[in-house]
Amino acid sequence: MNMTNFEIWSLIIQALTSLLLLTIILIALFGKTITEKLFPGRINIEILDKNGELTILDNGHRVIYYHLRVINTGKIIIKNCRIFLSKISKLENGEFINVPFSVPPRYVWSPAETSPEGVDIVTERIADFGYVIDSSTEFKPTVTPILNSFKGNLKHEETFRYFIEVISENYHSKKLIAIEVTWDGIWPNDLTEMCDHLVIKKVRSEK
C-alpha cells in the first residue's frame, strides 16, 4: 500500500516530536550529569600576593595577612564551594612528616565578617590563608574551627606544607593543593622585603 506524501510527512513529524520529547525528558532527568560530563568543573588555586597585606591592629601591632585566589577555570559556575585544610606536613631532618589532626578545618572566604561558609564561584574568589603578627612567634593558618589539639601553627625556622582540598556541589578536587610556608622570624624594616623572610609558595599537588 503506497503512502501519500501527507502520510509520510505526518510520520516524520511524529517521529521528530517523539525524539524531541525524549530529549527533553533526558535533559530533565540527567541534564546536570550531562553538563558536568561535557563541561567539567575546574578550580585552580594561586597565592594572591607573596608579600601579604599589611594591616595595623587597634593595639598598634602590625599584622600581615596572606590570601589565596581560588580561580574557576572551567565553563560552569562552581556552586557552594568550600576549601578545607585536609593535611599538614612538617619538614624534619630533610623529610616531610605528617602532622596529625582529627578534624579538617575550613578556610575562610574574604571578607571573613560577611562571607558565608560556601560561595558560588563564577570567575574567582579570595580566601584567607594565614597571618602573622609582629608580636607573635608563629604564622597561623586562617581556618575554623581551631581545636586545642591543632598543631598547624608555624614557628621560626620551620617549614610546613598545608594541603588544600576543594569541595562543592558540582566539583571535588582530585588532588590536594600544597602551599609551602617557611619563616625565619625576621620582620624587616622595609616590609616589601617580607617575602624574603616569610616565604610562601605553591609547590605541588597530591592525590
N, C-alpha and C. Protein backbone atom coordinates (compact mmCIF):
# COMPACT_ATOMS: atom_id res chain seq x y z
N MET A 1 0.84 -1.19 0.00
CA MET A 1 0.00 0.00 0.00
C MET A 1 0.88 1.25 0.00
N ASN A 2 0.72 2.06 -1.01
CA ASN A 2 1.53 3.26 -1.12
C ASN A 2 1.00 4.34 -0.19
N MET A 3 1.94 5.03 0.46
CA MET A 3 1.58 6.11 1.36
C MET A 3 1.64 7.43 0.62
N THR A 4 0.73 8.30 0.98
CA THR A 4 0.73 9.62 0.37
C THR A 4 1.82 10.47 1.00
N ASN A 5 2.14 11.54 0.31
CA ASN A 5 3.15 12.46 0.85
C ASN A 5 2.71 13.01 2.21
N PHE A 6 1.42 13.24 2.36
CA PHE A 6 0.91 13.76 3.63
C PHE A 6 1.16 12.77 4.76
N GLU A 7 0.91 11.47 4.48
CA GLU A 7 1.10 10.45 5.50
C GLU A 7 2.58 10.29 5.85
N ILE A 8 3.44 10.38 4.83
CA ILE A 8 4.88 10.27 5.07
C ILE A 8 5.36 11.41 5.96
N TRP A 9 4.94 12.63 5.63
CA TRP A 9 5.37 13.78 6.42
C TRP A 9 4.78 13.74 7.83
N SER A 10 3.56 13.19 7.95
CA SER A 10 2.96 13.05 9.29
C SER A 10 3.78 12.11 10.15
N LEU A 11 4.25 10.99 9.57
CA LEU A 11 5.08 10.06 10.32
C LEU A 11 6.42 10.70 10.72
N ILE A 12 6.99 11.46 9.75
CA ILE A 12 8.26 12.13 10.06
C ILE A 12 8.09 13.12 11.20
N ILE A 13 7.02 13.90 11.17
CA ILE A 13 6.75 14.89 12.23
C ILE A 13 6.52 14.20 13.56
N GLN A 14 5.78 13.08 13.55
CA GLN A 14 5.53 12.33 14.78
C GLN A 14 6.84 11.78 15.36
N ALA A 15 7.70 11.28 14.47
CA ALA A 15 8.98 10.74 14.93
C ALA A 15 9.85 11.84 15.52
N LEU A 16 9.88 12.98 14.86
CA LEU A 16 10.67 14.10 15.36
C LEU A 16 10.12 14.62 16.69
N THR A 17 8.80 14.65 16.79
CA THR A 17 8.16 15.10 18.04
C THR A 17 8.50 14.14 19.18
N SER A 18 8.44 12.84 18.89
CA SER A 18 8.77 11.85 19.92
C SER A 18 10.24 11.97 20.34
N LEU A 19 11.11 12.19 19.34
CA LEU A 19 12.53 12.33 19.64
C LEU A 19 12.78 13.58 20.48
N LEU A 20 12.09 14.67 20.14
CA LEU A 20 12.23 15.90 20.90
C LEU A 20 11.73 15.72 22.33
N LEU A 21 10.59 15.05 22.48
CA LEU A 21 10.04 14.80 23.81
C LEU A 21 10.99 13.94 24.63
N LEU A 22 11.58 12.92 23.99
CA LEU A 22 12.52 12.06 24.68
C LEU A 22 13.75 12.85 25.11
N THR A 23 14.21 13.74 24.24
CA THR A 23 15.37 14.57 24.57
C THR A 23 15.08 15.47 25.76
N ILE A 24 13.90 16.06 25.79
CA ILE A 24 13.51 16.93 26.91
C ILE A 24 13.46 16.14 28.21
N ILE A 25 12.94 14.93 28.16
CA ILE A 25 12.86 14.09 29.36
C ILE A 25 14.27 13.73 29.85
N LEU A 26 15.16 13.37 28.91
CA LEU A 26 16.53 13.01 29.29
C LEU A 26 17.27 14.19 29.89
N ILE A 27 17.05 15.37 29.31
CA ILE A 27 17.69 16.57 29.85
C ILE A 27 17.18 16.86 31.26
N ALA A 28 15.85 16.70 31.45
CA ALA A 28 15.27 16.94 32.76
C ALA A 28 15.81 15.96 33.80
N LEU A 29 16.02 14.72 33.38
CA LEU A 29 16.48 13.70 34.32
C LEU A 29 18.00 13.73 34.52
N PHE A 30 18.73 13.95 33.44
CA PHE A 30 20.18 13.79 33.50
C PHE A 30 20.93 15.03 33.03
N GLY A 31 20.23 16.17 32.95
CA GLY A 31 20.86 17.38 32.43
C GLY A 31 22.08 17.80 33.20
N LYS A 32 21.97 17.73 34.54
CA LYS A 32 23.10 18.14 35.38
C LYS A 32 24.30 17.23 35.17
N THR A 33 24.04 15.92 35.09
CA THR A 33 25.14 14.97 34.88
C THR A 33 25.77 15.16 33.51
N ILE A 34 24.91 15.37 32.49
CA ILE A 34 25.42 15.57 31.13
C ILE A 34 26.28 16.83 31.06
N THR A 35 25.79 17.90 31.68
CA THR A 35 26.54 19.17 31.68
C THR A 35 27.88 19.01 32.35
N GLU A 36 27.90 18.31 33.49
CA GLU A 36 29.16 18.12 34.22
C GLU A 36 30.14 17.26 33.44
N LYS A 37 29.61 16.31 32.63
CA LYS A 37 30.49 15.48 31.81
C LYS A 37 31.05 16.28 30.64
N LEU A 38 30.18 17.10 30.01
CA LEU A 38 30.61 17.88 28.86
C LEU A 38 31.48 19.06 29.27
N PHE A 39 31.11 19.68 30.40
CA PHE A 39 31.84 20.87 30.88
C PHE A 39 32.22 20.66 32.34
N PRO A 40 33.23 19.85 32.60
CA PRO A 40 33.61 19.56 34.00
C PRO A 40 34.14 20.82 34.70
N GLY A 41 33.89 20.88 36.01
CA GLY A 41 34.39 21.99 36.80
C GLY A 41 35.90 21.93 36.92
N ARG A 42 36.50 23.10 36.95
CA ARG A 42 37.96 23.18 37.11
C ARG A 42 38.28 24.33 38.05
N ILE A 43 39.08 24.05 39.05
CA ILE A 43 39.49 25.06 40.02
C ILE A 43 41.02 25.07 40.12
N ASN A 44 41.56 26.26 40.12
CA ASN A 44 42.99 26.43 40.35
C ASN A 44 43.18 27.37 41.53
N ILE A 45 44.19 27.11 42.33
CA ILE A 45 44.47 27.96 43.49
C ILE A 45 45.86 28.56 43.36
N GLU A 46 45.94 29.87 43.51
CA GLU A 46 47.20 30.59 43.45
C GLU A 46 47.33 31.50 44.66
N ILE A 47 48.55 31.87 44.98
CA ILE A 47 48.79 32.83 46.06
C ILE A 47 48.52 34.23 45.53
N LEU A 48 47.71 34.99 46.25
CA LEU A 48 47.33 36.32 45.78
C LEU A 48 48.53 37.26 45.78
N ASP A 49 49.24 37.35 46.87
CA ASP A 49 50.39 38.25 46.99
C ASP A 49 51.39 37.63 47.96
N LYS A 50 52.54 37.23 47.46
CA LYS A 50 53.53 36.55 48.30
C LYS A 50 54.09 37.47 49.39
N ASN A 51 53.89 38.76 49.25
CA ASN A 51 54.35 39.70 50.26
C ASN A 51 53.27 39.98 51.30
N GLY A 52 52.06 39.48 51.07
CA GLY A 52 50.98 39.66 52.03
C GLY A 52 50.40 41.06 52.03
N GLU A 53 49.42 41.26 52.90
CA GLU A 53 48.73 42.55 53.04
C GLU A 53 48.90 43.05 54.47
N LEU A 54 49.52 44.21 54.61
CA LEU A 54 49.80 44.76 55.93
C LEU A 54 48.58 45.48 56.49
N THR A 55 48.28 45.20 57.77
CA THR A 55 47.19 45.88 58.48
C THR A 55 47.71 46.25 59.87
N ILE A 56 47.25 47.38 60.39
CA ILE A 56 47.61 47.80 61.74
C ILE A 56 46.44 47.52 62.67
N LEU A 57 46.67 46.74 63.72
CA LEU A 57 45.63 46.41 64.67
C LEU A 57 45.33 47.60 65.59
N ASP A 58 44.22 47.52 66.32
CA ASP A 58 43.83 48.60 67.24
C ASP A 58 44.89 48.84 68.31
N ASN A 59 45.61 47.79 68.66
CA ASN A 59 46.64 47.95 69.70
C ASN A 59 47.97 48.43 69.14
N GLY A 60 48.00 48.73 67.85
CA GLY A 60 49.20 49.26 67.22
C GLY A 60 50.11 48.23 66.62
N HIS A 61 49.85 46.96 66.86
CA HIS A 61 50.70 45.91 66.28
C HIS A 61 50.41 45.73 64.80
N ARG A 62 51.45 45.39 64.08
CA ARG A 62 51.30 45.11 62.65
C ARG A 62 50.94 43.64 62.44
N VAL A 63 50.08 43.40 61.48
CA VAL A 63 49.73 42.03 61.11
C VAL A 63 49.75 41.94 59.58
N ILE A 64 50.30 40.87 59.09
CA ILE A 64 50.31 40.63 57.65
C ILE A 64 49.42 39.43 57.35
N TYR A 65 48.44 39.67 56.47
CA TYR A 65 47.53 38.61 56.06
C TYR A 65 47.95 38.09 54.69
N TYR A 66 47.81 36.79 54.53
CA TYR A 66 48.09 36.16 53.24
C TYR A 66 46.80 35.54 52.70
N HIS A 67 46.61 35.68 51.39
CA HIS A 67 45.36 35.25 50.77
C HIS A 67 45.61 34.32 49.58
N LEU A 68 44.56 33.58 49.23
CA LEU A 68 44.60 32.69 48.08
C LEU A 68 43.56 33.13 47.06
N ARG A 69 43.92 33.03 45.80
CA ARG A 69 42.96 33.21 44.70
C ARG A 69 42.43 31.83 44.32
N VAL A 70 41.14 31.65 44.45
CA VAL A 70 40.50 30.40 44.04
C VAL A 70 39.83 30.68 42.71
N ILE A 71 40.40 30.16 41.63
CA ILE A 71 40.05 30.56 40.27
C ILE A 71 39.23 29.46 39.59
N ASN A 72 38.09 29.85 39.05
CA ASN A 72 37.28 28.94 38.25
C ASN A 72 37.78 28.99 36.81
N THR A 73 38.45 27.94 36.37
CA THR A 73 39.00 27.91 35.01
C THR A 73 38.11 27.10 34.07
N GLY A 74 36.97 26.64 34.56
CA GLY A 74 36.03 25.89 33.73
C GLY A 74 34.95 26.77 33.15
N LYS A 75 33.92 26.13 32.60
CA LYS A 75 32.85 26.85 31.91
C LYS A 75 31.53 26.83 32.69
N ILE A 76 31.54 26.27 33.88
CA ILE A 76 30.33 26.24 34.70
C ILE A 76 30.59 26.95 36.02
N ILE A 77 29.53 27.41 36.65
CA ILE A 77 29.64 28.05 37.95
C ILE A 77 29.87 26.96 39.01
N ILE A 78 30.87 27.16 39.84
CA ILE A 78 31.13 26.23 40.94
C ILE A 78 30.22 26.61 42.10
N LYS A 79 29.35 25.71 42.49
CA LYS A 79 28.29 26.00 43.46
C LYS A 79 28.70 25.62 44.89
N ASN A 80 28.38 26.53 45.82
CA ASN A 80 28.56 26.27 47.26
C ASN A 80 29.95 25.72 47.55
N CYS A 81 30.95 26.43 47.12
CA CYS A 81 32.33 25.96 47.21
C CYS A 81 32.91 26.24 48.59
N ARG A 82 33.62 25.25 49.13
CA ARG A 82 34.35 25.38 50.39
C ARG A 82 35.74 24.79 50.21
N ILE A 83 36.69 25.31 50.96
CA ILE A 83 38.05 24.76 50.89
C ILE A 83 38.51 24.39 52.29
N PHE A 84 39.13 23.22 52.38
CA PHE A 84 39.50 22.66 53.67
C PHE A 84 41.01 22.42 53.75
N LEU A 85 41.52 22.53 54.95
CA LEU A 85 42.89 22.12 55.25
C LEU A 85 42.84 20.64 55.58
N SER A 86 43.18 19.80 54.62
CA SER A 86 43.00 18.36 54.77
C SER A 86 44.23 17.63 55.26
N LYS A 87 45.40 18.28 55.15
CA LYS A 87 46.63 17.60 55.55
C LYS A 87 47.70 18.64 55.83
N ILE A 88 48.57 18.35 56.79
CA ILE A 88 49.72 19.21 57.09
C ILE A 88 50.95 18.31 57.19
N SER A 89 52.05 18.75 56.60
CA SER A 89 53.31 18.03 56.79
C SER A 89 54.39 19.03 57.19
N LYS A 90 55.29 18.59 58.05
CA LYS A 90 56.35 19.44 58.61
C LYS A 90 57.71 18.89 58.21
N LEU A 91 58.60 19.80 57.80
CA LEU A 91 59.94 19.38 57.40
C LEU A 91 60.79 19.08 58.63
N GLU A 92 61.26 17.84 58.70
CA GLU A 92 62.11 17.42 59.81
C GLU A 92 63.24 16.55 59.25
N ASN A 93 64.47 17.02 59.46
CA ASN A 93 65.65 16.27 59.01
C ASN A 93 65.60 15.95 57.52
N GLY A 94 65.15 16.94 56.74
CA GLY A 94 65.14 16.79 55.30
C GLY A 94 63.96 16.03 54.74
N GLU A 95 63.03 15.65 55.59
CA GLU A 95 61.87 14.86 55.15
C GLU A 95 60.59 15.46 55.72
N PHE A 96 59.53 15.48 54.89
CA PHE A 96 58.24 15.99 55.35
C PHE A 96 57.46 14.89 56.07
N ILE A 97 57.10 15.19 57.32
CA ILE A 97 56.38 14.25 58.17
C ILE A 97 54.97 14.78 58.41
N ASN A 98 53.99 13.90 58.30
CA ASN A 98 52.60 14.33 58.51
C ASN A 98 52.36 14.76 59.95
N VAL A 99 51.62 15.86 60.07
CA VAL A 99 51.20 16.36 61.39
C VAL A 99 49.76 15.91 61.60
N PRO A 100 49.51 15.04 62.59
CA PRO A 100 48.15 14.51 62.76
C PRO A 100 47.18 15.54 63.32
N PHE A 101 45.96 15.51 62.81
CA PHE A 101 44.85 16.26 63.41
C PHE A 101 43.56 15.56 63.03
N SER A 102 42.56 15.66 63.90
CA SER A 102 41.37 14.82 63.78
C SER A 102 40.32 15.39 62.84
N VAL A 103 40.09 16.70 62.88
CA VAL A 103 39.01 17.31 62.10
C VAL A 103 39.59 18.30 61.10
N PRO A 104 39.42 18.08 59.79
CA PRO A 104 39.92 19.04 58.80
C PRO A 104 39.19 20.38 58.93
N PRO A 105 39.91 21.44 59.31
CA PRO A 105 39.26 22.74 59.45
C PRO A 105 39.05 23.39 58.08
N ARG A 106 38.20 24.39 58.06
CA ARG A 106 37.82 25.06 56.81
C ARG A 106 38.47 26.44 56.74
N TYR A 107 38.97 26.78 55.55
CA TYR A 107 39.46 28.14 55.31
C TYR A 107 38.28 29.10 55.18
N VAL A 108 38.55 30.36 55.44
CA VAL A 108 37.50 31.38 55.48
C VAL A 108 37.59 32.25 54.23
N TRP A 109 36.44 32.50 53.60
CA TRP A 109 36.39 33.39 52.45
C TRP A 109 36.53 34.84 52.89
N SER A 110 37.09 35.65 52.02
CA SER A 110 37.23 37.09 52.30
C SER A 110 36.05 37.85 51.67
N PRO A 111 35.55 38.87 52.39
CA PRO A 111 35.89 39.26 53.76
C PRO A 111 35.25 38.31 54.77
N ALA A 112 36.01 37.96 55.79
CA ALA A 112 35.57 36.93 56.74
C ALA A 112 34.32 37.35 57.50
N GLU A 113 34.12 38.66 57.69
CA GLU A 113 33.00 39.13 58.50
C GLU A 113 31.65 38.91 57.82
N THR A 114 31.63 38.87 56.49
CA THR A 114 30.34 38.82 55.78
C THR A 114 30.19 37.63 54.84
N SER A 115 31.26 36.90 54.58
CA SER A 115 31.19 35.80 53.61
C SER A 115 30.60 34.55 54.24
N PRO A 116 29.75 33.83 53.49
CA PRO A 116 29.18 32.57 54.01
C PRO A 116 30.21 31.45 53.97
N GLU A 117 29.83 30.32 54.53
CA GLU A 117 30.73 29.17 54.57
C GLU A 117 31.04 28.66 53.17
N GLY A 118 30.00 28.62 52.32
CA GLY A 118 30.18 28.18 50.94
C GLY A 118 29.78 29.28 49.98
N VAL A 119 30.53 29.45 48.89
CA VAL A 119 30.25 30.52 47.93
C VAL A 119 30.18 29.95 46.52
N ASP A 120 29.45 30.64 45.64
CA ASP A 120 29.46 30.31 44.22
C ASP A 120 30.62 31.05 43.56
N ILE A 121 31.34 30.35 42.69
CA ILE A 121 32.49 30.96 42.02
C ILE A 121 32.23 31.02 40.52
N VAL A 122 32.04 32.22 40.02
CA VAL A 122 31.86 32.43 38.58
C VAL A 122 33.22 32.55 37.92
N THR A 123 34.05 33.45 38.41
CA THR A 123 35.40 33.62 37.87
C THR A 123 36.45 33.30 38.94
N GLU A 124 36.42 34.04 40.06
CA GLU A 124 37.34 33.75 41.14
C GLU A 124 36.83 34.35 42.43
N ARG A 125 37.32 33.81 43.54
CA ARG A 125 37.06 34.35 44.87
C ARG A 125 38.37 34.34 45.66
N ILE A 126 38.41 35.19 46.68
CA ILE A 126 39.60 35.28 47.52
C ILE A 126 39.31 34.63 48.87
N ALA A 127 40.26 33.83 49.34
CA ALA A 127 40.13 33.19 50.65
C ALA A 127 41.31 33.59 51.53
N ASP A 128 41.04 33.75 52.81
CA ASP A 128 42.12 33.99 53.78
C ASP A 128 42.95 32.70 53.90
N PHE A 129 44.27 32.85 53.94
CA PHE A 129 45.13 31.68 54.08
C PHE A 129 45.81 31.63 55.43
N GLY A 130 46.33 32.76 55.88
CA GLY A 130 47.02 32.78 57.17
C GLY A 130 47.51 34.18 57.49
N TYR A 131 48.09 34.33 58.68
CA TYR A 131 48.54 35.65 59.09
C TYR A 131 49.67 35.51 60.11
N VAL A 132 50.40 36.62 60.27
CA VAL A 132 51.47 36.68 61.27
C VAL A 132 51.46 38.08 61.88
N ILE A 133 51.58 38.14 63.21
CA ILE A 133 51.59 39.41 63.95
C ILE A 133 53.00 39.69 64.42
N ASP A 134 53.40 40.96 64.39
CA ASP A 134 54.79 41.29 64.72
C ASP A 134 55.16 40.95 66.16
N SER A 135 54.18 40.80 67.03
CA SER A 135 54.45 40.43 68.42
C SER A 135 54.42 38.92 68.64
N SER A 136 54.14 38.17 67.58
CA SER A 136 53.99 36.73 67.70
C SER A 136 55.20 36.01 67.14
N THR A 137 55.36 34.78 67.54
CA THR A 137 56.44 33.94 67.01
C THR A 137 55.90 32.87 66.07
N GLU A 138 54.63 33.03 65.63
CA GLU A 138 54.01 31.99 64.82
C GLU A 138 53.28 32.58 63.61
N PHE A 139 53.32 31.81 62.52
CA PHE A 139 52.42 32.02 61.39
C PHE A 139 51.22 31.11 61.63
N LYS A 140 50.01 31.68 61.55
CA LYS A 140 48.82 30.90 61.86
C LYS A 140 47.90 30.81 60.64
N PRO A 141 47.54 29.60 60.23
CA PRO A 141 46.58 29.46 59.13
C PRO A 141 45.20 29.96 59.56
N THR A 142 44.50 30.59 58.63
CA THR A 142 43.18 31.15 58.94
C THR A 142 42.13 30.10 58.66
N VAL A 143 41.92 29.23 59.63
CA VAL A 143 40.96 28.14 59.47
C VAL A 143 40.04 28.10 60.69
N THR A 144 38.93 27.43 60.50
CA THR A 144 37.96 27.26 61.57
C THR A 144 37.33 25.87 61.44
N PRO A 145 37.07 25.17 62.55
CA PRO A 145 37.37 25.56 63.93
C PRO A 145 38.83 25.27 64.28
N ILE A 146 39.34 25.98 65.27
CA ILE A 146 40.66 25.72 65.81
C ILE A 146 40.50 24.94 67.11
N LEU A 147 40.91 23.70 67.10
CA LEU A 147 40.81 22.86 68.29
C LEU A 147 42.10 22.98 69.12
N ASN A 148 42.00 22.65 70.38
CA ASN A 148 43.17 22.73 71.26
C ASN A 148 44.30 21.81 70.81
N SER A 149 43.93 20.77 70.09
CA SER A 149 44.93 19.80 69.64
C SER A 149 45.59 20.20 68.32
N PHE A 150 45.17 21.33 67.74
CA PHE A 150 45.70 21.75 66.44
C PHE A 150 47.18 22.12 66.54
N LYS A 151 48.00 21.52 65.68
CA LYS A 151 49.45 21.75 65.72
C LYS A 151 49.95 22.32 64.40
N GLY A 152 49.09 23.10 63.74
CA GLY A 152 49.43 23.61 62.42
C GLY A 152 50.02 25.00 62.39
N ASN A 153 50.28 25.60 63.58
CA ASN A 153 50.92 26.92 63.60
C ASN A 153 52.42 26.75 63.38
N LEU A 154 52.96 27.62 62.52
CA LEU A 154 54.36 27.50 62.13
C LEU A 154 55.22 28.47 62.93
N LYS A 155 56.29 27.96 63.53
CA LYS A 155 57.19 28.78 64.34
C LYS A 155 58.43 29.16 63.53
N HIS A 156 59.28 29.98 64.14
CA HIS A 156 60.51 30.42 63.49
C HIS A 156 61.35 29.23 63.03
N GLU A 157 61.93 29.37 61.85
CA GLU A 157 62.84 28.37 61.28
C GLU A 157 62.16 27.03 61.01
N GLU A 158 60.85 27.05 60.84
CA GLU A 158 60.13 25.82 60.48
C GLU A 158 59.59 25.95 59.06
N THR A 159 59.34 24.78 58.46
CA THR A 159 58.73 24.71 57.13
C THR A 159 57.56 23.74 57.18
N PHE A 160 56.39 24.24 56.81
CA PHE A 160 55.19 23.42 56.76
C PHE A 160 54.65 23.39 55.33
N ARG A 161 53.98 22.32 55.00
CA ARG A 161 53.17 22.26 53.79
C ARG A 161 51.72 22.07 54.19
N TYR A 162 50.88 22.98 53.74
CA TYR A 162 49.45 22.93 54.01
C TYR A 162 48.75 22.43 52.75
N PHE A 163 48.02 21.32 52.89
CA PHE A 163 47.37 20.69 51.74
C PHE A 163 45.87 21.05 51.73
N ILE A 164 45.43 21.61 50.61
CA ILE A 164 44.09 22.16 50.50
C ILE A 164 43.22 21.27 49.63
N GLU A 165 41.99 21.05 50.09
CA GLU A 165 41.00 20.27 49.35
C GLU A 165 39.80 21.16 49.04
N VAL A 166 39.36 21.12 47.79
CA VAL A 166 38.22 21.93 47.34
C VAL A 166 37.00 21.03 47.20
N ILE A 167 35.88 21.42 47.84
CA ILE A 167 34.66 20.64 47.78
C ILE A 167 33.49 21.58 47.48
N SER A 168 32.67 21.20 46.50
CA SER A 168 31.47 21.98 46.18
C SER A 168 30.37 21.03 45.74
N GLU A 169 29.22 21.60 45.39
CA GLU A 169 28.10 20.76 44.95
C GLU A 169 28.41 20.06 43.63
N ASN A 170 29.18 20.70 42.77
CA ASN A 170 29.43 20.15 41.43
C ASN A 170 30.92 20.04 41.10
N TYR A 171 31.75 20.04 42.14
CA TYR A 171 33.19 19.88 41.92
C TYR A 171 33.85 19.37 43.19
N HIS A 172 34.81 18.48 43.00
CA HIS A 172 35.62 17.98 44.11
C HIS A 172 37.03 17.77 43.58
N SER A 173 37.99 18.45 44.17
CA SER A 173 39.36 18.36 43.67
C SER A 173 39.87 16.93 43.76
N LYS A 174 40.48 16.47 42.67
CA LYS A 174 41.03 15.12 42.64
C LYS A 174 42.36 15.05 43.36
N LYS A 175 43.04 16.18 43.45
CA LYS A 175 44.33 16.23 44.12
C LYS A 175 44.32 17.33 45.17
N LEU A 176 45.09 17.14 46.23
CA LEU A 176 45.27 18.18 47.23
C LEU A 176 46.31 19.17 46.73
N ILE A 177 46.05 20.44 46.95
CA ILE A 177 46.96 21.50 46.51
C ILE A 177 47.84 21.90 47.69
N ALA A 178 49.15 21.87 47.50
CA ALA A 178 50.09 22.09 48.60
C ALA A 178 50.67 23.50 48.53
N ILE A 179 50.56 24.22 49.65
CA ILE A 179 51.18 25.54 49.82
C ILE A 179 52.25 25.41 50.90
N GLU A 180 53.48 25.74 50.55
CA GLU A 180 54.59 25.62 51.49
C GLU A 180 54.92 26.98 52.11
N VAL A 181 55.13 26.98 53.43
CA VAL A 181 55.44 28.21 54.16
C VAL A 181 56.69 27.99 55.01
N THR A 182 57.62 28.95 54.92
CA THR A 182 58.82 28.96 55.75
C THR A 182 59.01 30.37 56.30
N TRP A 183 59.37 30.50 57.57
CA TRP A 183 59.60 31.82 58.15
C TRP A 183 60.83 31.79 59.05
N ASP A 184 61.73 32.75 58.82
CA ASP A 184 62.93 32.83 59.65
C ASP A 184 62.73 33.70 60.89
N GLY A 185 61.53 34.26 61.06
CA GLY A 185 61.20 35.04 62.25
C GLY A 185 61.53 36.52 62.15
N ILE A 186 62.09 36.94 61.02
CA ILE A 186 62.51 38.34 60.88
C ILE A 186 61.39 39.20 60.31
N TRP A 187 61.20 40.39 60.90
CA TRP A 187 60.34 41.43 60.35
C TRP A 187 61.27 42.53 59.83
N PRO A 188 61.47 42.64 58.53
CA PRO A 188 62.36 43.68 58.01
C PRO A 188 61.74 45.07 58.16
N ASN A 189 62.58 46.09 58.22
CA ASN A 189 62.08 47.46 58.29
C ASN A 189 61.30 47.81 57.03
N ASP A 190 61.77 47.35 55.91
CA ASP A 190 61.06 47.53 54.65
C ASP A 190 60.22 46.29 54.40
N LEU A 191 58.92 46.41 54.61
CA LEU A 191 58.05 45.23 54.54
C LEU A 191 57.88 44.69 53.12
N THR A 192 58.37 45.42 52.11
CA THR A 192 58.37 44.85 50.77
C THR A 192 59.38 43.71 50.67
N GLU A 193 60.24 43.60 51.69
CA GLU A 193 61.21 42.51 51.73
C GLU A 193 60.73 41.34 52.59
N MET A 194 59.48 41.42 53.06
CA MET A 194 58.97 40.36 53.93
C MET A 194 58.95 39.01 53.22
N CYS A 195 58.73 39.03 51.91
CA CYS A 195 58.65 37.77 51.17
C CYS A 195 59.99 37.04 51.13
N ASP A 196 61.09 37.75 51.50
CA ASP A 196 62.39 37.08 51.59
C ASP A 196 62.57 36.35 52.91
N HIS A 197 61.70 36.64 53.87
CA HIS A 197 61.81 36.06 55.21
C HIS A 197 60.68 35.09 55.52
N LEU A 198 59.44 35.48 55.20
CA LEU A 198 58.33 34.54 55.27
C LEU A 198 58.02 34.16 53.82
N VAL A 199 58.48 32.98 53.46
CA VAL A 199 58.37 32.52 52.07
C VAL A 199 57.16 31.61 51.93
N ILE A 200 56.26 31.98 51.04
CA ILE A 200 55.06 31.20 50.80
C ILE A 200 54.99 30.87 49.31
N LYS A 201 54.81 29.60 49.01
CA LYS A 201 54.80 29.20 47.60
C LYS A 201 53.95 27.95 47.40
N LYS A 202 53.38 27.86 46.23
CA LYS A 202 52.65 26.65 45.82
C LYS A 202 53.68 25.67 45.26
N VAL A 203 53.68 24.46 45.79
CA VAL A 203 54.74 23.54 45.41
C VAL A 203 54.27 22.39 44.54
N ARG A 204 53.15 21.78 44.86
CA ARG A 204 52.73 20.62 44.07
C ARG A 204 51.32 20.21 44.51
N SER A 205 50.79 19.26 43.78
CA SER A 205 49.52 18.66 44.14
C SER A 205 49.75 17.21 44.50
N GLU A 206 48.82 16.69 45.28
CA GLU A 206 48.97 15.31 45.75
C GLU A 206 47.62 14.64 45.81
N LYS A 207 47.55 13.39 45.37
CA LYS A 207 46.28 12.66 45.40
C LYS A 207 45.93 12.28 46.83
